[in-house]
Amino acid sequence: MANPLKYKYTSPLAGFENAPPLSDERNEDGKSYVNPKREGLSEAYNTFTEPLDNGRRGGFDIHIYYFQQNKEQTKYARELWERIRREFPELRIYTFWDRPIGPHPVAMFEVNVFTPAQFGAFIAWLAVWRGPLSALIHPNTIAEEGVPSSENEYRDHSQRAIWMGEKLPLDFTLFARSS
């Protein structure tokens, strides 16, 4: 399994090394800064930034959890699963599991998003509609050369993960066993 202390991080300023200093000028609200002008929007609005997967796998997986022994949560999760299939048919929506599967400690279903626009629309929508359920949002990154896929999967599900609601403990030992 990957050691988080050995992760390498490229500087967020890569590509902006020769940019002029930022202004200290503030906007009318007195709190936010006036940002420098640029031509067009960031490419991150159109395609996921590397190393996110822009291919068939999709850039992000969203796992929506419910406690399968809780009748109210099970009913809500089933209704949410159906609503997502109707509201977002362009997304990939997987099986409605009635038990823990893979590294996931309770029942869940999974949704994949393929573009930044889908991510923005679906995650904003889910923030309102997830109700009592928790959601793990993790990227699907393409592993750097020489990095085992299991180590990359572990990092995507842990260090790079985003949680909505209660964070649930995943069974990371599955990533240690696979390659």
C-alpha atoms as a PDB file:
ATOM      1  CA  MET A   1       0.000   0.000   0.000  1.00  0.00           C
ATOM      2  CA  ALA A   2       1.206   3.517  -0.754  1.00  0.00           C
ATOM      3  CA  ASN A   3       2.914   5.507   1.948  1.00  0.00           C
ATOM      4  CA  PRO A   4       1.294   8.988   1.948  1.00  0.00           C
ATOM      5  CA  LEU A   5       4.568  10.478   3.193  1.00  0.00           C
ATOM      6  CA  LYS A   6       6.178   9.475  -0.124  1.00  0.00           C
ATOM      7  CA  TYR A   7       3.595  11.214  -2.327  1.00  0.00           C
ATOM      8  CA  LYS A   8       5.066  13.835  -4.601  1.00  0.00           C
ATOM      9  CA  TYR A   9       3.207  17.031  -5.379  1.00  0.00           C
ATOM     10  CA  THR A  10       3.896  19.153  -8.439  1.00  0.00           C
ATOM     11  CA  SER A  11       3.835  22.865  -7.642  1.00  0.00           C
ATOM     12  CA  PRO A  12       0.400  24.363  -8.332  1.00  0.00           C
ATOM     13  CA  LEU A  13       2.261  27.288  -9.913  1.00  0.00           C
ATOM     14  CA  ALA A  14       3.845  25.127 -12.641  1.00  0.00           C
ATOM     15  CA  GLY A  15       3.378  27.069 -15.887  1.00  0.00           C
ATOM     16  CA  PHE A  16       3.013  30.403 -14.070  1.00  0.00           C
ATOM     17  CA  GLU A  17       6.655  30.788 -12.981  1.00  0.00           C
ATOM     18  CA  ASN A  18       7.165  33.980 -15.024  1.00  0.00           C
ATOM     19  CA  ALA A  19       3.788  35.574 -14.311  1.00  0.00           C
ATOM     20  CA  PRO A  20       3.811  39.134 -12.916  1.00  0.00           C
ATOM     21  CA  PRO A  21       3.106  39.567  -9.189  1.00  0.00           C
ATOM     22  CA  LEU A  22      -0.534  39.542  -8.111  1.00  0.00           C
ATOM     23  CA  SER A  23      -2.204  42.814  -7.146  1.00  0.00           C
ATOM     24  CA  ASP A  24      -3.278  43.537  -3.573  1.00  0.00           C
ATOM     25  CA  GLU A  25      -6.285  45.488  -4.911  1.00  0.00           C
ATOM     26  CA  ARG A  26      -9.612  44.421  -3.422  1.00  0.00           C
ATOM     27  CA  ASN A  27     -13.076  44.190  -4.975  1.00  0.00           C
ATOM     28  CA  GLU A  28     -16.005  46.332  -3.789  1.00  0.00           C
ATOM     29  CA  ASP A  29     -16.878  43.795  -1.099  1.00  0.00           C
ATOM     30  CA  GLY A  30     -13.579  44.631   0.619  1.00  0.00           C
ATOM     31  CA  LYS A  31     -12.804  40.949   1.183  1.00  0.00           C
ATOM     32  CA  SER A  32     -12.030  39.409  -2.203  1.00  0.00           C
ATOM     33  CA  TYR A  33      -9.139  40.311  -4.496  1.00  0.00           C
ATOM     34  CA  VAL A  34      -9.161  41.656  -8.045  1.00  0.00           C
ATOM     35  CA  ASN A  35      -7.750  38.815 -10.120  1.00  0.00           C
ATOM     36  CA  PRO A  36      -5.612  39.239 -13.204  1.00  0.00           C
ATOM     37  CA  LYS A  37      -7.375  39.173 -16.572  1.00  0.00           C
ATOM     38  CA  ARG A  38      -6.874  36.200 -18.887  1.00  0.00           C
ATOM     39  CA  GLU A  39      -8.080  35.288 -22.338  1.00  0.00           C
ATOM     40  CA  GLY A  40     -10.820  32.678 -22.205  1.00  0.00           C
ATOM     41  CA  LEU A  41     -11.654  30.258 -19.459  1.00  0.00           C
ATOM     42  CA  SER A  42      -9.354  27.646 -17.970  1.00  0.00           C
ATOM     43  CA  GLU A  43      -9.305  24.377 -19.944  1.00  0.00           C
ATOM     44  CA  ALA A  44     -10.409  22.732 -16.666  1.00  0.00           C
ATOM     45  CA  TYR A  45     -13.957  23.809 -17.585  1.00  0.00           C
ATOM     46  CA  ASN A  46     -13.862  21.545 -20.661  1.00  0.00           C
ATOM     47  CA  THR A  47     -11.668  18.568 -19.791  1.00  0.00           C
ATOM     48  CA  PHE A  48     -10.445  17.101 -16.543  1.00  0.00           C
ATOM     49  CA  THR A  49      -6.908  18.072 -15.682  1.00  0.00           C
ATOM     50  CA  GLU A  50      -4.182  15.419 -15.864  1.00  0.00           C
ATOM     51  CA  PRO A  51      -3.846  12.839 -14.434  1.00  0.00           C
ATOM     52  CA  LEU A  52      -7.668  12.518 -14.238  1.00  0.00           C
ATOM     53  CA  ASP A  53      -9.095  10.000 -16.700  1.00  0.00           C
ATOM     54  CA  ASN A  54     -10.898  11.745 -19.573  1.00  0.00           C
ATOM     55  CA  GLY A  55     -11.638   8.404 -21.231  1.00  0.00           C
ATOM     56  CA  ARG A  56     -14.180   5.629 -20.935  1.00  0.00           C
ATOM     57  CA  ARG A  57     -13.602   5.127 -17.209  1.00  0.00           C
ATOM     58  CA  GLY A  58     -14.606   8.684 -16.364  1.00  0.00           C
ATOM     59  CA  GLY A  59     -12.948  11.328 -14.229  1.00  0.00           C
ATOM     60  CA  PHE A  60     -14.775  10.646 -10.960  1.00  0.00           C
ATOM     61  CA  ASP A  61     -16.682   7.899  -9.172  1.00  0.00           C
ATOM     62  CA  ILE A  62     -19.349   8.878  -6.662  1.00  0.00           C
ATOM     63  CA  HIS A  63     -20.300   6.155  -4.174  1.00  0.00           C
ATOM     64  CA  ILE A  64     -23.551   6.899  -2.339  1.00  0.00           C
ATOM     65  CA  TYR A  65     -23.873   4.918   0.895  1.00  0.00           C
ATOM     66  CA  TYR A  66     -26.825   3.829   2.945  1.00  0.00           C
ATOM     67  CA  PHE A  67     -27.181   1.579   5.985  1.00  0.00           C
ATOM     68  CA  GLN A  68     -28.923  -1.479   4.555  1.00  0.00           C
ATOM     69  CA  GLN A  69     -30.461  -2.371   7.948  1.00  0.00           C
ATOM     70  CA  ASN A  70     -32.147   1.032   8.143  1.00  0.00           C
ATOM     71  CA  LYS A  71     -35.496   0.867   6.296  1.00  0.00           C
ATOM     72  CA  GLU A  72     -35.845   4.649   5.920  1.00  0.00           C
ATOM     73  CA  GLN A  73     -32.331   5.039   4.500  1.00  0.00           C
ATOM     74  CA  THR A  74     -32.819   2.066   2.191  1.00  0.00           C
ATOM     75  CA  LYS A  75     -36.062   3.549   0.857  1.00  0.00           C
ATOM     76  CA  TYR A  76     -34.486   6.982   0.411  1.00  0.00           C
ATOM     77  CA  ALA A  77     -31.406   5.519  -1.314  1.00  0.00           C
ATOM     78  CA  ARG A  78     -33.550   3.485  -3.721  1.00  0.00           C
ATOM     79  CA  GLU A  79     -35.625   6.580  -4.568  1.00  0.00           C
ATOM     80  CA  LEU A  80     -32.460   8.666  -5.021  1.00  0.00           C
ATOM     81  CA  TRP A  81     -30.952   6.002  -7.302  1.00  0.00           C
ATOM     82  CA  GLU A  82     -34.103   6.060  -9.433  1.00  0.00           C
ATOM     83  CA  ARG A  83     -34.182   9.878  -9.508  1.00  0.00           C
ATOM     84  CA  ILE A  84     -30.537  10.048 -10.603  1.00  0.00           C
ATOM     85  CA  ARG A  85     -31.222   7.579 -13.423  1.00  0.00           C
ATOM     86  CA  ARG A  86     -34.122   9.754 -14.597  1.00  0.00           C
ATOM     87  CA  GLU A  87     -32.496  13.162 -14.023  1.00  0.00           C
ATOM     88  CA  PHE A  88     -29.000  12.301 -15.296  1.00  0.00           C
ATOM     89  CA  PRO A  89     -29.368   9.515 -17.910  1.00  0.00           C
ATOM     90  CA  GLU A  90     -26.062  10.539 -19.518  1.00  0.00           C
ATOM     91  CA  LEU A  91     -24.147   9.425 -16.418  1.00  0.00           C
ATOM     92  CA  ARG A  92     -23.170   5.817 -15.760  1.00  0.00           C
ATOM     93  CA  ILE A  93     -25.211   4.512 -12.815  1.00  0.00           C
ATOM     94  CA  TYR A  94     -24.330   1.105 -11.413  1.00  0.00           C
ATOM     95  CA  THR A  95     -26.130  -1.608  -9.479  1.00  0.00           C
ATOM     96  CA  PHE A  96     -28.048  -0.750  -6.326  1.00  0.00           C
ATOM     97  CA  TRP A  97     -26.141  -2.993  -3.919  1.00  0.00           C
ATOM     98  CA  ASP A  98     -27.978  -4.272  -0.831  1.00  0.00           C
ATOM     99  CA  ARG A  99     -24.766  -5.210   1.009  1.00  0.00           C
ATOM    100  CA  PRO A 100     -21.149  -4.063   1.350  1.00  0.00           C
ATOM    101  CA  ILE A 101     -19.072  -4.607  -1.800  1.00  0.00           C
ATOM    102  CA  GLY A 102     -15.345  -4.112  -2.447  1.00  0.00           C
ATOM    103  CA  PRO A 103     -13.731  -1.667  -0.020  1.00  0.00           C
ATOM    104  CA  HIS A 104     -17.109  -0.136   0.857  1.00  0.00           C
ATOM    105  CA  PRO A 105     -18.300  -0.884   4.423  1.00  0.00           C
ATOM    106  CA  VAL A 106     -22.060  -0.614   3.809  1.00  0.00           C
ATOM    107  CA  ALA A 107     -24.472  -0.904   0.910  1.00  0.00           C
ATOM    108  CA  MET A 108     -24.146   1.671  -1.853  1.00  0.00           C
ATOM    109  CA  PHE A 109     -24.546   2.527  -5.493  1.00  0.00           C
ATOM    110  CA  GLU A 110     -22.047   4.212  -7.783  1.00  0.00           C
ATOM    111  CA  VAL A 111     -22.294   7.003 -10.339  1.00  0.00           C
ATOM    112  CA  ASN A 112     -19.564   7.968 -12.847  1.00  0.00           C
ATOM    113  CA  VAL A 113     -19.109  11.436 -14.345  1.00  0.00           C
ATOM    114  CA  PHE A 114     -17.149  12.066 -17.552  1.00  0.00           C
ATOM    115  CA  THR A 115     -16.805  15.845 -17.891  1.00  0.00           C
ATOM    116  CA  PRO A 116     -16.216  18.823 -15.614  1.00  0.00           C
ATOM    117  CA  ALA A 117     -19.702  20.102 -16.537  1.00  0.00           C
ATOM    118  CA  GLN A 118     -21.286  16.820 -15.408  1.00  0.00           C
ATOM    119  CA  PHE A 119     -19.230  16.900 -12.208  1.00  0.00           C
ATOM    120  CA  GLY A 120     -20.309  20.457 -11.398  1.00  0.00           C
ATOM    121  CA  ALA A 121     -23.964  19.838 -12.161  1.00  0.00           C
ATOM    122  CA  PHE A 122     -24.227  16.467 -10.424  1.00  0.00           C
ATOM    123  CA  ILE A 123     -22.229  17.290  -7.276  1.00  0.00           C
ATOM    124  CA  ALA A 124     -24.162  20.549  -6.764  1.00  0.00           C
ATOM    125  CA  TRP A 125     -27.425  18.638  -7.236  1.00  0.00           C
ATOM    126  CA  LEU A 126     -26.274  15.842  -4.894  1.00  0.00           C
ATOM    127  CA  ALA A 127     -25.378  18.337  -2.150  1.00  0.00           C
ATOM    128  CA  VAL A 128     -29.088  19.159  -1.951  1.00  0.00           C
ATOM    129  CA  TRP A 129     -30.635  15.754  -2.715  1.00  0.00           C
ATOM    130  CA  ARG A 130     -28.377  13.235  -0.890  1.00  0.00           C
ATOM    131  CA  GLY A 131     -30.515  13.646   2.240  1.00  0.00           C
ATOM    132  CA  PRO A 132     -29.309  11.461   5.145  1.00  0.00           C
ATOM    133  CA  LEU A 133     -26.820   9.562   2.968  1.00  0.00           C
ATOM    134  CA  SER A 134     -23.045   9.894   2.754  1.00  0.00           C
ATOM    135  CA  ALA A 135     -21.114  10.056  -0.498  1.00  0.00           C
ATOM    136  CA  LEU A 136     -17.506   9.326  -1.373  1.00  0.00           C
ATOM    137  CA  ILE A 137     -16.324  11.288  -4.403  1.00  0.00           C
ATOM    138  CA  HIS A 138     -12.988  10.059  -5.691  1.00  0.00           C
ATOM    139  CA  PRO A 139     -11.023  10.760  -8.841  1.00  0.00           C
ATOM    140  CA  ASN A 140      -9.984   8.127 -11.340  1.00  0.00           C
ATOM    141  CA  THR A 141      -6.412   9.037 -12.116  1.00  0.00           C
ATOM    142  CA  ILE A 142      -4.047   7.492 -14.602  1.00  0.00           C
ATOM    143  CA  ALA A 143      -1.100   6.080 -12.679  1.00  0.00           C
ATOM    144  CA  GLU A 144       2.339   7.515 -13.234  1.00  0.00           C
ATOM    145  CA  GLU A 145       4.774   5.174 -14.936  1.00  0.00           C
ATOM    146  CA  GLY A 146       6.078   2.630 -12.435  1.00  0.00           C
ATOM    147  CA  VAL A 147       3.247   3.154  -9.929  1.00  0.00           C
ATOM    148  CA  PRO A 148       1.204  -0.045  -9.395  1.00  0.00           C
ATOM    149  CA  SER A 149      -2.518   0.337 -10.111  1.00  0.00           C
ATOM    150  CA  SER A 150      -3.358  -0.818  -6.555  1.00  0.00           C
ATOM    151  CA  GLU A 151      -1.249   1.995  -5.093  1.00  0.00           C
ATOM    152  CA  ASN A 152      -2.907   4.496  -7.402  1.00  0.00           C
ATOM    153  CA  GLU A 153      -6.401   3.208  -6.477  1.00  0.00           C
ATOM    154  CA  TYR A 154      -5.534   3.476  -2.792  1.00  0.00           C
ATOM    155  CA  ARG A 155      -4.441   7.089  -3.246  1.00  0.00           C
ATOM    156  CA  ASP A 156      -7.593   7.952  -5.238  1.00  0.00           C
ATOM    157  CA  HIS A 157      -9.822   6.438  -2.519  1.00  0.00           C
ATOM    158  CA  SER A 158      -7.921   8.017   0.395  1.00  0.00           C
ATOM    159  CA  GLN A 159      -5.674  11.048  -0.081  1.00  0.00           C
ATOM    160  CA  ARG A 160      -7.562  12.410  -3.103  1.00  0.00           C
ATOM    161  CA  ALA A 161     -11.068  11.569  -1.818  1.00  0.00           C
ATOM    162  CA  ILE A 162     -13.827  14.091  -1.105  1.00  0.00           C
ATOM    163  CA  TRP A 163     -16.650  13.269   1.328  1.00  0.00           C
ATOM    164  CA  MET A 164     -20.200  14.560   1.607  1.00  0.00           C
ATOM    165  CA  GLY A 165     -21.842  13.738   4.903  1.00  0.00           C
ATOM    166  CA  GLU A 166     -20.300  11.299   7.348  1.00  0.00           C
ATOM    167  CA  LYS A 167     -16.926   9.840   6.348  1.00  0.00           C
ATOM    168  CA  LEU A 168     -17.063   6.050   6.471  1.00  0.00           C
ATOM    169  CA  PRO A 169     -14.009   3.814   6.970  1.00  0.00           C
ATOM    170  CA  LEU A 170     -13.072   1.918   3.808  1.00  0.00           C
ATOM    171  CA  ASP A 171     -11.362  -1.476   3.780  1.00  0.00           C
ATOM    172  CA  PHE A 172      -8.083  -0.480   2.148  1.00  0.00           C
ATOM    173  CA  THR A 173      -6.626  -3.996   2.530  1.00  0.00           C
ATOM    174  CA  LEU A 174      -8.213  -4.878  -0.820  1.00  0.00           C
ATOM    175  CA  PHE A 175      -5.803  -2.478  -2.513  1.00  0.00           C
ATOM    176  CA  ALA A 176      -2.831  -4.127  -0.800  1.00  0.00           C
ATOM    177  CA  ARG A 177      -3.816  -7.542  -2.181  1.00  0.00           C
ATOM    178  CA  SER A 178      -4.332  -6.498  -5.804  1.00  0.00           C
ATOM    179  CA  SER A 179      -1.782  -5.236  -8.305  1.00  0.00           C
END
